[in-house]
Amino acid sequence: MSARSRQSIPGTTLFDGTQAIKGYALNKMCYSFNSAANREEFKRAEDSYCRRYGLSEAQRDAVRRRNVLDMIAAGGNVYYLAKLAGIFGLDVQDLGAQQTGTTKEAFKAKLEAAGR
């Protein structure tokens, strides 16, 4: 598959080498959340914690808005972002709702309908 065809999947940000470089600081910060002490520090001083890891303004803004899709667009890897989403109290269904542009309730109904 050519790079051009991979980049043309509507509504999808592919995590490739370019995105990995772009999101390095964000993903490194999210990896730090393997430590409970770091999660607590983030909760106490979110913006300074983000700055300590060198997040760009776009990344910090996406974090402030709790917008996982924008974090992905800013280079975030969903596996690392799961730690951050957990701090925000978001679960997999919340993330699915964001990805599909629906409410959590509508996303859950869609899942239930697909399971019938």
PDB file of N, CA and C in Angstrom:
ATOM      1  N   MET A   1       0.855  -1.175   0.000  1.00  0.00           N
ATOM      2  CA  MET A   1       0.000   0.000   0.000  1.00  0.00           C
ATOM      3  C   MET A   1       0.896   1.231   0.000  1.00  0.00           C
ATOM      4  N   SER A   2       0.620   2.139  -0.857  1.00  0.00           N
ATOM      5  CA  SER A   2       1.433   3.350  -0.945  1.00  0.00           C
ATOM      6  C   SER A   2       1.105   4.293   0.204  1.00  0.00           C
ATOM      7  N   ALA A   3       2.048   5.191   0.485  1.00  0.00           N
ATOM      8  CA  ALA A   3       1.831   6.185   1.544  1.00  0.00           C
ATOM      9  C   ALA A   3       0.615   7.040   1.226  1.00  0.00           C
ATOM     10  N   ARG A   4       0.415   7.337  -0.044  1.00  0.00           N
ATOM     11  CA  ARG A   4      -0.724   8.169  -0.437  1.00  0.00           C
ATOM     12  C   ARG A   4      -2.046   7.493  -0.104  1.00  0.00           C
ATOM     13  N   SER A   5      -2.191   6.208  -0.414  1.00  0.00           N
ATOM     14  CA  SER A   5      -3.457   5.524  -0.145  1.00  0.00           C
ATOM     15  C   SER A   5      -3.679   5.321   1.353  1.00  0.00           C
ATOM     16  N   ARG A   6      -2.613   5.143   2.111  1.00  0.00           N
ATOM     17  CA  ARG A   6      -2.758   4.996   3.560  1.00  0.00           C
ATOM     18  C   ARG A   6      -3.231   6.290   4.195  1.00  0.00           C
ATOM     19  N   GLN A   7      -2.863   7.414   3.644  1.00  0.00           N
ATOM     20  CA  GLN A   7      -3.239   8.696   4.217  1.00  0.00           C
ATOM     21  C   GLN A   7      -4.626   9.139   3.789  1.00  0.00           C
ATOM     22  N   SER A   8      -5.274   8.382   2.931  1.00  0.00           N
ATOM     23  CA  SER A   8      -6.570   8.819   2.425  1.00  0.00           C
ATOM     24  C   SER A   8      -7.737   8.077   3.061  1.00  0.00           C
ATOM     25  N   ILE A   9      -7.535   7.484   4.209  1.00  0.00           N
ATOM     26  CA  ILE A   9      -8.625   6.818   4.915  1.00  0.00           C
ATOM     27  C   ILE A   9      -9.420   7.906   5.635  1.00  0.00           C
ATOM     28  N   PRO A  10     -10.647   8.174   5.187  1.00  0.00           N
ATOM     29  CA  PRO A  10     -11.423   9.281   5.761  1.00  0.00           C
ATOM     30  C   PRO A  10     -11.595   9.155   7.280  1.00  0.00           C
ATOM     31  N   GLY A  11     -11.322  10.246   7.971  1.00  0.00           N
ATOM     32  CA  GLY A  11     -11.528  10.294   9.416  1.00  0.00           C
ATOM     33  C   GLY A  11     -10.483   9.566  10.238  1.00  0.00           C
ATOM     34  N   THR A  12      -9.393   9.144   9.592  1.00  0.00           N
ATOM     35  CA  THR A  12      -8.387   8.357  10.292  1.00  0.00           C
ATOM     36  C   THR A  12      -7.042   9.062  10.252  1.00  0.00           C
ATOM     37  N   THR A  13      -6.428   9.164  11.415  1.00  0.00           N
ATOM     38  CA  THR A  13      -5.050   9.643  11.494  1.00  0.00           C
ATOM     39  C   THR A  13      -4.183   8.417  11.711  1.00  0.00           C
ATOM     40  N   LEU A  14      -3.363   8.099  10.740  1.00  0.00           N
ATOM     41  CA  LEU A  14      -2.489   6.943  10.866  1.00  0.00           C
ATOM     42  C   LEU A  14      -1.281   7.287  11.717  1.00  0.00           C
ATOM     43  N   PHE A  15      -0.925   6.372  12.596  1.00  0.00           N
ATOM     44  CA  PHE A  15       0.255   6.575  13.424  1.00  0.00           C
ATOM     45  C   PHE A  15       1.442   5.989  12.680  1.00  0.00           C
ATOM     46  N   ASP A  16       2.201   6.872  12.035  1.00  0.00           N
ATOM     47  CA  ASP A  16       3.368   6.463  11.268  1.00  0.00           C
ATOM     48  C   ASP A  16       4.598   7.158  11.855  1.00  0.00           C
ATOM     49  N   GLY A  17       5.701   7.086  11.159  1.00  0.00           N
ATOM     50  CA  GLY A  17       6.928   7.698  11.654  1.00  0.00           C
ATOM     51  C   GLY A  17       6.803   9.192  11.871  1.00  0.00           C
ATOM     52  N   THR A  18       6.129   9.864  10.957  1.00  0.00           N
ATOM     53  CA  THR A  18       5.939  11.314  11.086  1.00  0.00           C
ATOM     54  C   THR A  18       5.129  11.635  12.332  1.00  0.00           C
ATOM     55  N   GLN A  19       4.049  10.891  12.545  1.00  0.00           N
ATOM     56  CA  GLN A  19       3.212  11.114  13.728  1.00  0.00           C
ATOM     57  C   GLN A  19       3.973  10.766  15.007  1.00  0.00           C
ATOM     58  N   ALA A  20       4.803   9.721  14.946  1.00  0.00           N
ATOM     59  CA  ALA A  20       5.584   9.325  16.123  1.00  0.00           C
ATOM     60  C   ALA A  20       6.523  10.447  16.550  1.00  0.00           C
ATOM     61  N   ILE A  21       7.171  11.073  15.580  1.00  0.00           N
ATOM     62  CA  ILE A  21       8.068  12.187  15.892  1.00  0.00           C
ATOM     63  C   ILE A  21       7.264  13.369  16.425  1.00  0.00           C
ATOM     64  N   LYS A  22       6.170  13.672  15.758  1.00  0.00           N
ATOM     65  CA  LYS A  22       5.306  14.788  16.155  1.00  0.00           C
ATOM     66  C   LYS A  22       4.780  14.606  17.577  1.00  0.00           C
ATOM     67  N   GLY A  23       4.436  13.379  17.938  1.00  0.00           N
ATOM     68  CA  GLY A  23       3.811  13.115  19.227  1.00  0.00           C
ATOM     69  C   GLY A  23       4.737  12.625  20.317  1.00  0.00           C
ATOM     70  N   TYR A  24       6.042  12.656  20.067  1.00  0.00           N
ATOM     71  CA  TYR A  24       6.979  12.072  21.039  1.00  0.00           C
ATOM     72  C   TYR A  24       6.777  12.613  22.455  1.00  0.00           C
ATOM     73  N   ALA A  25       6.706  13.925  22.608  1.00  0.00           N
ATOM     74  CA  ALA A  25       6.575  14.514  23.947  1.00  0.00           C
ATOM     75  C   ALA A  25       5.266  14.080  24.611  1.00  0.00           C
ATOM     76  N   LEU A  26       4.172  14.107  23.856  1.00  0.00           N
ATOM     77  CA  LEU A  26       2.870  13.712  24.393  1.00  0.00           C
ATOM     78  C   LEU A  26       2.883  12.241  24.813  1.00  0.00           C
ATOM     79  N   ASN A  27       3.429  11.386  23.962  1.00  0.00           N
ATOM     80  CA  ASN A  27       3.457   9.963  24.276  1.00  0.00           C
ATOM     81  C   ASN A  27       4.390   9.658  25.444  1.00  0.00           C
ATOM     82  N   LYS A  28       5.504  10.382  25.516  1.00  0.00           N
ATOM     83  CA  LYS A  28       6.425  10.215  26.642  1.00  0.00           C
ATOM     84  C   LYS A  28       5.729  10.602  27.940  1.00  0.00           C
ATOM     85  N   MET A  29       4.985  11.711  27.906  1.00  0.00           N
ATOM     86  CA  MET A  29       4.261  12.124  29.104  1.00  0.00           C
ATOM     87  C   MET A  29       3.241  11.060  29.504  1.00  0.00           C
ATOM     88  N   CYS A  30       2.489  10.568  28.529  1.00  0.00           N
ATOM     89  CA  CYS A  30       1.482   9.546  28.834  1.00  0.00           C
ATOM     90  C   CYS A  30       2.120   8.290  29.409  1.00  0.00           C
ATOM     91  N   TYR A  31       3.291   7.927  28.908  1.00  0.00           N
ATOM     92  CA  TYR A  31       3.998   6.755  29.437  1.00  0.00           C
ATOM     93  C   TYR A  31       4.340   6.970  30.910  1.00  0.00           C
ATOM     94  N   SER A  32       4.613   8.219  31.279  1.00  0.00           N
ATOM     95  CA  SER A  32       4.963   8.511  32.673  1.00  0.00           C
ATOM     96  C   SER A  32       3.815   8.169  33.625  1.00  0.00           C
ATOM     97  N   PHE A  33       2.603   8.069  33.090  1.00  0.00           N
ATOM     98  CA  PHE A  33       1.446   7.788  33.937  1.00  0.00           C
ATOM     99  C   PHE A  33       1.372   6.337  34.387  1.00  0.00           C
ATOM    100  N   ASN A  34       2.364   5.547  34.028  1.00  0.00           N
ATOM    101  CA  ASN A  34       2.472   4.205  34.613  1.00  0.00           C
ATOM    102  C   ASN A  34       2.728   4.310  36.110  1.00  0.00           C
ATOM    103  N   SER A  35       3.211   5.470  36.544  1.00  0.00           N
ATOM    104  CA  SER A  35       3.470   5.728  37.957  1.00  0.00           C
ATOM    105  C   SER A  35       2.288   6.481  38.574  1.00  0.00           C
ATOM    106  N   ALA A  36       1.756   5.922  39.654  1.00  0.00           N
ATOM    107  CA  ALA A  36       0.636   6.578  40.349  1.00  0.00           C
ATOM    108  C   ALA A  36       1.035   7.963  40.837  1.00  0.00           C
ATOM    109  N   ALA A  37       2.273   8.124  41.280  1.00  0.00           N
ATOM    110  CA  ALA A  37       2.733   9.433  41.757  1.00  0.00           C
ATOM    111  C   ALA A  37       2.691  10.458  40.626  1.00  0.00           C
ATOM    112  N   ASN A  38       3.058  10.049  39.419  1.00  0.00           N
ATOM    113  CA  ASN A  38       3.011  10.962  38.282  1.00  0.00           C
ATOM    114  C   ASN A  38       1.574  11.319  37.915  1.00  0.00           C
ATOM    115  N   ARG A  39       0.668  10.357  38.006  1.00  0.00           N
ATOM    116  CA  ARG A  39      -0.741  10.656  37.726  1.00  0.00           C
ATOM    117  C   ARG A  39      -1.267  11.687  38.712  1.00  0.00           C
ATOM    118  N   GLU A  40      -0.907  11.553  39.963  1.00  0.00           N
ATOM    119  CA  GLU A  40      -1.345  12.504  40.983  1.00  0.00           C
ATOM    120  C   GLU A  40      -0.718  13.878  40.753  1.00  0.00           C
ATOM    121  N   GLU A  41       0.552  13.905  40.376  1.00  0.00           N
ATOM    122  CA  GLU A  41       1.199  15.188  40.091  1.00  0.00           C
ATOM    123  C   GLU A  41       0.525  15.889  38.918  1.00  0.00           C
ATOM    124  N   PHE A  42       0.177  15.132  37.883  1.00  0.00           N
ATOM    125  CA  PHE A  42      -0.522  15.697  36.731  1.00  0.00           C
ATOM    126  C   PHE A  42      -1.844  16.317  37.168  1.00  0.00           C
ATOM    127  N   LYS A  43      -2.589  15.622  38.013  1.00  0.00           N
ATOM    128  CA  LYS A  43      -3.884  16.134  38.480  1.00  0.00           C
ATOM    129  C   LYS A  43      -3.721  17.434  39.268  1.00  0.00           C
ATOM    130  N   ARG A  44      -2.628  17.561  40.002  1.00  0.00           N
ATOM    131  CA  ARG A  44      -2.400  18.763  40.824  1.00  0.00           C
ATOM    132  C   ARG A  44      -1.979  19.968  39.985  1.00  0.00           C
ATOM    133  N   ALA A  45      -1.190  19.717  38.939  1.00  0.00           N
ATOM    134  CA  ALA A  45      -0.617  20.837  38.174  1.00  0.00           C
ATOM    135  C   ALA A  45      -0.516  20.434  36.706  1.00  0.00           C
ATOM    136  N   GLU A  46      -1.670  20.297  36.083  1.00  0.00           N
ATOM    137  CA  GLU A  46      -1.753  19.749  34.730  1.00  0.00           C
ATOM    138  C   GLU A  46      -0.900  20.504  33.714  1.00  0.00           C
ATOM    139  N   ASP A  47      -1.061  21.807  33.622  1.00  0.00           N
ATOM    140  CA  ASP A  47      -0.351  22.525  32.569  1.00  0.00           C
ATOM    141  C   ASP A  47       1.153  22.522  32.791  1.00  0.00           C
ATOM    142  N   SER A  48       1.593  22.680  34.022  1.00  0.00           N
ATOM    143  CA  SER A  48       3.038  22.661  34.263  1.00  0.00           C
ATOM    144  C   SER A  48       3.608  21.271  33.996  1.00  0.00           C
ATOM    145  N   TYR A  49       2.823  20.237  34.267  1.00  0.00           N
ATOM    146  CA  TYR A  49       3.266  18.872  33.968  1.00  0.00           C
ATOM    147  C   TYR A  49       3.431  18.714  32.453  1.00  0.00           C
ATOM    148  N   CYS A  50       2.475  19.210  31.692  1.00  0.00           N
ATOM    149  CA  CYS A  50       2.554  19.152  30.227  1.00  0.00           C
ATOM    150  C   CYS A  50       3.764  19.927  29.712  1.00  0.00           C
ATOM    151  N   ARG A  51       4.002  21.088  30.276  1.00  0.00           N
ATOM    152  CA  ARG A  51       5.142  21.909  29.852  1.00  0.00           C
ATOM    153  C   ARG A  51       6.466  21.214  30.181  1.00  0.00           C
ATOM    154  N   ARG A  52       6.517  20.549  31.322  1.00  0.00           N
ATOM    155  CA  ARG A  52       7.745  19.847  31.708  1.00  0.00           C
ATOM    156  C   ARG A  52       8.136  18.807  30.657  1.00  0.00           C
ATOM    157  N   TYR A  53       7.142  18.207  30.028  1.00  0.00           N
ATOM    158  CA  TYR A  53       7.419  17.211  29.003  1.00  0.00           C
ATOM    159  C   TYR A  53       7.561  17.816  27.609  1.00  0.00           C
ATOM    160  N   GLY A  54       7.392  19.128  27.498  1.00  0.00           N
ATOM    161  CA  GLY A  54       7.615  19.815  26.232  1.00  0.00           C
ATOM    162  C   GLY A  54       6.491  19.686  25.220  1.00  0.00           C
ATOM    163  N   LEU A  55       5.239  19.522  25.703  1.00  0.00           N
ATOM    164  CA  LEU A  55       4.116  19.434  24.784  1.00  0.00           C
ATOM    165  C   LEU A  55       3.942  20.735  24.022  1.00  0.00           C
ATOM    166  N   SER A  56       3.574  20.616  22.766  1.00  0.00           N
ATOM    167  CA  SER A  56       3.299  21.802  21.948  1.00  0.00           C
ATOM    168  C   SER A  56       2.011  22.458  22.439  1.00  0.00           C
ATOM    169  N   GLU A  57       1.763  23.673  21.970  1.00  0.00           N
ATOM    170  CA  GLU A  57       0.515  24.362  22.342  1.00  0.00           C
ATOM    171  C   GLU A  57      -0.698  23.556  21.881  1.00  0.00           C
ATOM    172  N   ALA A  58      -0.647  22.990  20.672  1.00  0.00           N
ATOM    173  CA  ALA A  58      -1.774  22.188  20.163  1.00  0.00           C
ATOM    174  C   ALA A  58      -2.005  20.964  21.042  1.00  0.00           C
ATOM    175  N   GLN A  59      -0.937  20.339  21.483  1.00  0.00           N
ATOM    176  CA  GLN A  59      -1.077  19.167  22.357  1.00  0.00           C
ATOM    177  C   GLN A  59      -1.640  19.571  23.711  1.00  0.00           C
ATOM    178  N   ARG A  60      -1.119  20.663  24.284  1.00  0.00           N
ATOM    179  CA  ARG A  60      -1.632  21.118  25.586  1.00  0.00           C
ATOM    180  C   ARG A  60      -3.098  21.512  25.488  1.00  0.00           C
ATOM    181  N   ASP A  61      -3.468  22.161  24.382  1.00  0.00           N
ATOM    182  CA  ASP A  61      -4.861  22.554  24.183  1.00  0.00           C
ATOM    183  C   ASP A  61      -5.763  21.324  24.087  1.00  0.00           C
ATOM    184  N   ALA A  62      -5.335  20.307  23.354  1.00  0.00           N
ATOM    185  CA  ALA A  62      -6.127  19.077  23.239  1.00  0.00           C
ATOM    186  C   ALA A  62      -6.284  18.404  24.602  1.00  0.00           C
ATOM    187  N   VAL A  63      -5.222  18.418  25.395  1.00  0.00           N
ATOM    188  CA  VAL A  63      -5.284  17.849  26.750  1.00  0.00           C
ATOM    189  C   VAL A  63      -6.271  18.648  27.592  1.00  0.00           C
ATOM    190  N   ARG A  64      -6.177  19.978  27.555  1.00  0.00           N
ATOM    191  CA  ARG A  64      -7.096  20.826  28.340  1.00  0.00           C
ATOM    192  C   ARG A  64      -8.553  20.552  27.977  1.00  0.00           C
ATOM    193  N   ARG A  65      -8.808  20.341  26.675  1.00  0.00           N
ATOM    194  CA  ARG A  65     -10.183  20.128  26.203  1.00  0.00           C
ATOM    195  C   ARG A  65     -10.616  18.666  26.307  1.00  0.00           C
ATOM    196  N   ARG A  66      -9.688  17.788  26.728  1.00  0.00           N
ATOM    197  CA  ARG A  66      -9.987  16.347  26.870  1.00  0.00           C
ATOM    198  C   ARG A  66     -10.405  15.752  25.534  1.00  0.00           C
ATOM    199  N   ASN A  67      -9.819  16.265  24.452  1.00  0.00           N
ATOM    200  CA  ASN A  67     -10.197  15.842  23.111  1.00  0.00           C
ATOM    201  C   ASN A  67      -9.172  14.839  22.585  1.00  0.00           C
ATOM    202  N   VAL A  68      -9.515  13.574  22.702  1.00  0.00           N
ATOM    203  CA  VAL A  68      -8.603  12.500  22.320  1.00  0.00           C
ATOM    204  C   VAL A  68      -8.330  12.509  20.821  1.00  0.00           C
ATOM    205  N   LEU A  69      -9.326  12.828  19.998  1.00  0.00           N
ATOM    206  CA  LEU A  69      -9.089  12.876  18.556  1.00  0.00           C
ATOM    207  C   LEU A  69      -8.045  13.932  18.202  1.00  0.00           C
ATOM    208  N   ASP A  70      -8.099  15.075  18.852  1.00  0.00           N
ATOM    209  CA  ASP A  70      -7.095  16.104  18.606  1.00  0.00           C
ATOM    210  C   ASP A  70      -5.729  15.683  19.137  1.00  0.00           C
ATOM    211  N   MET A  71      -5.708  14.915  20.220  1.00  0.00           N
ATOM    212  CA  MET A  71      -4.440  14.388  20.720  1.00  0.00           C
ATOM    213  C   MET A  71      -3.833  13.413  19.709  1.00  0.00           C
ATOM    214  N   ILE A  72      -4.683  12.588  19.100  1.00  0.00           N
ATOM    215  CA  ILE A  72      -4.215  11.666  18.071  1.00  0.00           C
ATOM    216  C   ILE A  72      -3.688  12.457  16.878  1.00  0.00           C
ATOM    217  N   ALA A  73      -4.412  13.479  16.461  1.00  0.00           N
ATOM    218  CA  ALA A  73      -3.966  14.320  15.348  1.00  0.00           C
ATOM    219  C   ALA A  73      -2.646  15.011  15.677  1.00  0.00           C
ATOM    220  N   ALA A  74      -2.404  15.270  16.961  1.00  0.00           N
ATOM    221  CA  ALA A  74      -1.173  15.920  17.400  1.00  0.00           C
ATOM    222  C   ALA A  74      -0.052  14.915  17.651  1.00  0.00           C
ATOM    223  N   GLY A  75      -0.243  13.681  17.189  1.00  0.00           N
ATOM    224  CA  GLY A  75       0.809  12.675  17.289  1.00  0.00           C
ATOM    225  C   GLY A  75       0.652  11.666  18.400  1.00  0.00           C
ATOM    226  N   GLY A  76      -0.450  11.742  19.131  1.00  0.00           N
ATOM    227  CA  GLY A  76      -0.651  10.808  20.222  1.00  0.00           C
ATOM    228  C   GLY A  76      -0.950   9.403  19.720  1.00  0.00           C
ATOM    229  N   ASN A  77      -0.392   8.432  20.403  1.00  0.00           N
ATOM    230  CA  ASN A  77      -0.651   7.029  20.118  1.00  0.00           C
ATOM    231  C   ASN A  77      -1.732   6.554  21.076  1.00  0.00           C
ATOM    232  N   VAL A  78      -2.770   5.949  20.551  1.00  0.00           N
ATOM    233  CA  VAL A  78      -3.932   5.591  21.364  1.00  0.00           C
ATOM    234  C   VAL A  78      -3.558   4.705  22.555  1.00  0.00           C
ATOM    235  N   TYR A  79      -2.540   3.874  22.417  1.00  0.00           N
ATOM    236  CA  TYR A  79      -2.151   2.998  23.532  1.00  0.00           C
ATOM    237  C   TYR A  79      -1.572   3.797  24.693  1.00  0.00           C
ATOM    238  N   TYR A  80      -0.845   4.864  24.398  1.00  0.00           N
ATOM    239  CA  TYR A  80      -0.349   5.738  25.455  1.00  0.00           C
ATOM    240  C   TYR A  80      -1.455   6.651  25.961  1.00  0.00           C
ATOM    241  N   LEU A  81      -2.289   7.129  25.044  1.00  0.00           N
ATOM    242  CA  LEU A  81      -3.361   8.042  25.426  1.00  0.00           C
ATOM    243  C   LEU A  81      -4.379   7.383  26.354  1.00  0.00           C
ATOM    244  N   ALA A  82      -4.465   6.071  26.325  1.00  0.00           N
ATOM    245  CA  ALA A  82      -5.404   5.367  27.209  1.00  0.00           C
ATOM    246  C   ALA A  82      -5.108   5.679  28.675  1.00  0.00           C
ATOM    247  N   LYS A  83      -3.841   5.820  29.022  1.00  0.00           N
ATOM    248  CA  LYS A  83      -3.480   6.179  30.405  1.00  0.00           C
ATOM    249  C   LYS A  83      -4.014   7.566  30.756  1.00  0.00           C
ATOM    250  N   LEU A  84      -3.860   8.499  29.837  1.00  0.00           N
ATOM    251  CA  LEU A  84      -4.336   9.858  30.063  1.00  0.00           C
ATOM    252  C   LEU A  84      -5.860   9.891  30.114  1.00  0.00           C
ATOM    253  N   ALA A  85      -6.497   9.172  29.225  1.00  0.00           N
ATOM    254  CA  ALA A  85      -7.967   9.122  29.213  1.00  0.00           C
ATOM    255  C   ALA A  85      -8.497   8.595  30.544  1.00  0.00           C
ATOM    256  N   GLY A  86      -7.798   7.615  31.101  1.00  0.00           N
ATOM    257  CA  GLY A  86      -8.206   7.069  32.400  1.00  0.00           C
ATOM    258  C   GLY A  86      -8.150   8.111  33.505  1.00  0.00           C
ATOM    259  N   ILE A  87      -7.149   8.966  33.470  1.00  0.00           N
ATOM    260  CA  ILE A  87      -7.038  10.047  34.459  1.00  0.00           C
ATOM    261  C   ILE A  87      -8.236  10.979  34.332  1.00  0.00           C
ATOM    262  N   PHE A  88      -8.689  11.201  33.102  1.00  0.00           N
ATOM    263  CA  PHE A  88      -9.828  12.072  32.853  1.00  0.00           C
ATOM    264  C   PHE A  88     -11.155  11.403  33.190  1.00  0.00           C
ATOM    265  N   GLY A  89     -11.129  10.110  33.516  1.00  0.00           N
ATOM    266  CA  GLY A  89     -12.357   9.386  33.806  1.00  0.00           C
ATOM    267  C   GLY A  89     -13.069   8.912  32.547  1.00  0.00           C
ATOM    268  N   LEU A  90     -12.342   8.878  31.428  1.00  0.00           N
ATOM    269  CA  LEU A  90     -12.923   8.411  30.166  1.00  0.00           C
ATOM    270  C   LEU A  90     -12.650   6.929  29.997  1.00  0.00           C
ATOM    271  N   ASP A  91     -13.638   6.214  29.491  1.00  0.00           N
ATOM    272  CA  ASP A  91     -13.437   4.797  29.206  1.00  0.00           C
ATOM    273  C   ASP A  91     -13.445   4.569  27.699  1.00  0.00           C
ATOM    274  N   VAL A  92     -13.331   3.326  27.286  1.00  0.00           N
ATOM    275  CA  VAL A  92     -13.246   2.982  25.868  1.00  0.00           C
ATOM    276  C   VAL A  92     -14.485   3.453  25.104  1.00  0.00           C
ATOM    277  N   GLN A  93     -15.644   3.397  25.726  1.00  0.00           N
ATOM    278  CA  GLN A  93     -16.856   3.846  25.054  1.00  0.00           C
ATOM    279  C   GLN A  93     -16.856   5.363  24.861  1.00  0.00           C
ATOM    280  N   ASP A  94     -16.288   6.097  25.805  1.00  0.00           N
ATOM    281  CA  ASP A  94     -16.141   7.545  25.620  1.00  0.00           C
ATOM    282  C   ASP A  94     -15.245   7.836  24.417  1.00  0.00           C
ATOM    283  N   LEU A  95     -14.152   7.094  24.301  1.00  0.00           N
ATOM    284  CA  LEU A  95     -13.235   7.284  23.176  1.00  0.00           C
ATOM    285  C   LEU A  95     -13.904   6.920  21.859  1.00  0.00           C
ATOM    286  N   GLY A  96     -14.653   5.827  21.853  1.00  0.00           N
ATOM    287  CA  GLY A  96     -15.380   5.432  20.645  1.00  0.00           C
ATOM    288  C   GLY A  96     -16.392   6.485  20.228  1.00  0.00           C
ATOM    289  N   ALA A  97     -17.058   7.078  21.191  1.00  0.00           N
ATOM    290  CA  ALA A  97     -18.028   8.136  20.888  1.00  0.00           C
ATOM    291  C   ALA A  97     -17.319   9.330  20.258  1.00  0.00           C
ATOM    292  N   GLN A  98     -16.162   9.713  20.822  1.00  0.00           N
ATOM    293  CA  GLN A  98     -15.405  10.817  20.224  1.00  0.00           C
ATOM    294  C   GLN A  98     -14.996  10.480  18.795  1.00  0.00           C
ATOM    295  N   GLN A  99     -14.536   9.256  18.581  1.00  0.00           N
ATOM    296  CA  GLN A  99     -14.063   8.863  17.256  1.00  0.00           C
ATOM    297  C   GLN A  99     -15.178   8.827  16.221  1.00  0.00           C
ATOM    298  N   THR A 100     -16.387   8.521  16.647  1.00  0.00           N
ATOM    299  CA  THR A 100     -17.505   8.430  15.706  1.00  0.00           C
ATOM    300  C   THR A 100     -18.356   9.693  15.681  1.00  0.00           C
ATOM    301  N   GLY A 101     -18.001  10.674  16.512  1.00  0.00           N
ATOM    302  CA  GLY A 101     -18.726  11.941  16.518  1.00  0.00           C
ATOM    303  C   GLY A 101     -20.129  11.834  17.080  1.00  0.00           C
ATOM    304  N   THR A 102     -20.318  10.919  18.025  1.00  0.00           N
ATOM    305  CA  THR A 102     -21.637  10.746  18.644  1.00  0.00           C
ATOM    306  C   THR A 102     -21.515  10.902  20.155  1.00  0.00           C
ATOM    307  N   THR A 103     -22.620  10.803  20.824  1.00  0.00           N
ATOM    308  CA  THR A 103     -22.606  10.787  22.283  1.00  0.00           C
ATOM    309  C   THR A 103     -22.244   9.381  22.741  1.00  0.00           C
ATOM    310  N   LYS A 104     -21.865   9.280  23.993  1.00  0.00           N
ATOM    311  CA  LYS A 104     -21.547   7.966  24.552  1.00  0.00           C
ATOM    312  C   LYS A 104     -22.778   7.056  24.495  1.00  0.00           C
ATOM    313  N   GLU A 105     -23.941   7.624  24.787  1.00  0.00           N
ATOM    314  CA  GLU A 105     -25.169   6.831  24.776  1.00  0.00           C
ATOM    315  C   GLU A 105     -25.462   6.314  23.365  1.00  0.00           C
ATOM    316  N   ALA A 106     -25.304   7.167  22.364  1.00  0.00           N
ATOM    317  CA  ALA A 106     -25.537   6.744  20.974  1.00  0.00           C
ATOM    318  C   ALA A 106     -24.519   5.698  20.548  1.00  0.00           C
ATOM    319  N   PHE A 107     -23.277   5.856  20.982  1.00  0.00           N
ATOM    320  CA  PHE A 107     -22.244   4.880  20.645  1.00  0.00           C
ATOM    321  C   PHE A 107     -22.558   3.526  21.285  1.00  0.00           C
ATOM    322  N   LYS A 108     -22.982   3.548  22.548  1.00  0.00           N
ATOM    323  CA  LYS A 108     -23.344   2.295  23.229  1.00  0.00           C
ATOM    324  C   LYS A 108     -24.526   1.629  22.529  1.00  0.00           C
ATOM    325  N   ALA A 109     -25.514   2.422  22.113  1.00  0.00           N
ATOM    326  CA  ALA A 109     -26.676   1.865  21.398  1.00  0.00           C
ATOM    327  C   ALA A 109     -26.234   1.231  20.084  1.00  0.00           C
ATOM    328  N   LYS A 110     -25.306   1.877  19.389  1.00  0.00           N
ATOM    329  CA  LYS A 110     -24.784   1.330  18.139  1.00  0.00           C
ATOM    330  C   LYS A 110     -24.082  -0.015  18.380  1.00  0.00           C
ATOM    331  N   LEU A 111     -23.304  -0.097  19.454  1.00  0.00           N
ATOM    332  CA  LEU A 111     -22.630  -1.351  19.797  1.00  0.00           C
ATOM    333  C   LEU A 111     -23.651  -2.455  20.126  1.00  0.00           C
ATOM    334  N   GLU A 112     -24.655  -2.078  20.885  1.00  0.00           N
ATOM    335  CA  GLU A 112     -25.678  -3.053  21.258  1.00  0.00           C
ATOM    336  C   GLU A 112     -26.442  -3.534  20.036  1.00  0.00           C
ATOM    337  N   ALA A 113     -26.767  -2.643  19.130  1.00  0.00           N
ATOM    338  CA  ALA A 113     -27.481  -3.012  17.908  1.00  0.00           C
ATOM    339  C   ALA A 113     -26.628  -3.926  17.033  1.00  0.00           C
ATOM    340  N   ALA A 114     -25.339  -3.675  16.994  1.00  0.00           N
ATOM    341  CA  ALA A 114     -24.438  -4.499  16.170  1.00  0.00           C
ATOM    342  C   ALA A 114     -24.294  -5.909  16.754  1.00  0.00           C
ATOM    343  N   GLY A 115     -24.510  -6.031  18.053  1.00  0.00           N
ATOM    344  CA  GLY A 115     -24.370  -7.320  18.717  1.00  0.00           C
ATOM    345  C   GLY A 115     -25.593  -8.196  18.619  1.00  0.00           C
ATOM    346  N   ARG A 116     -26.662  -7.692  18.036  1.00  0.00           N
ATOM    347  CA  ARG A 116     -27.908  -8.473  17.934  1.00  0.00           C
ATOM    348  C   ARG A 116     -27.885  -9.409  16.772  1.00  0.00           C
TER     349      ARG A 116
END
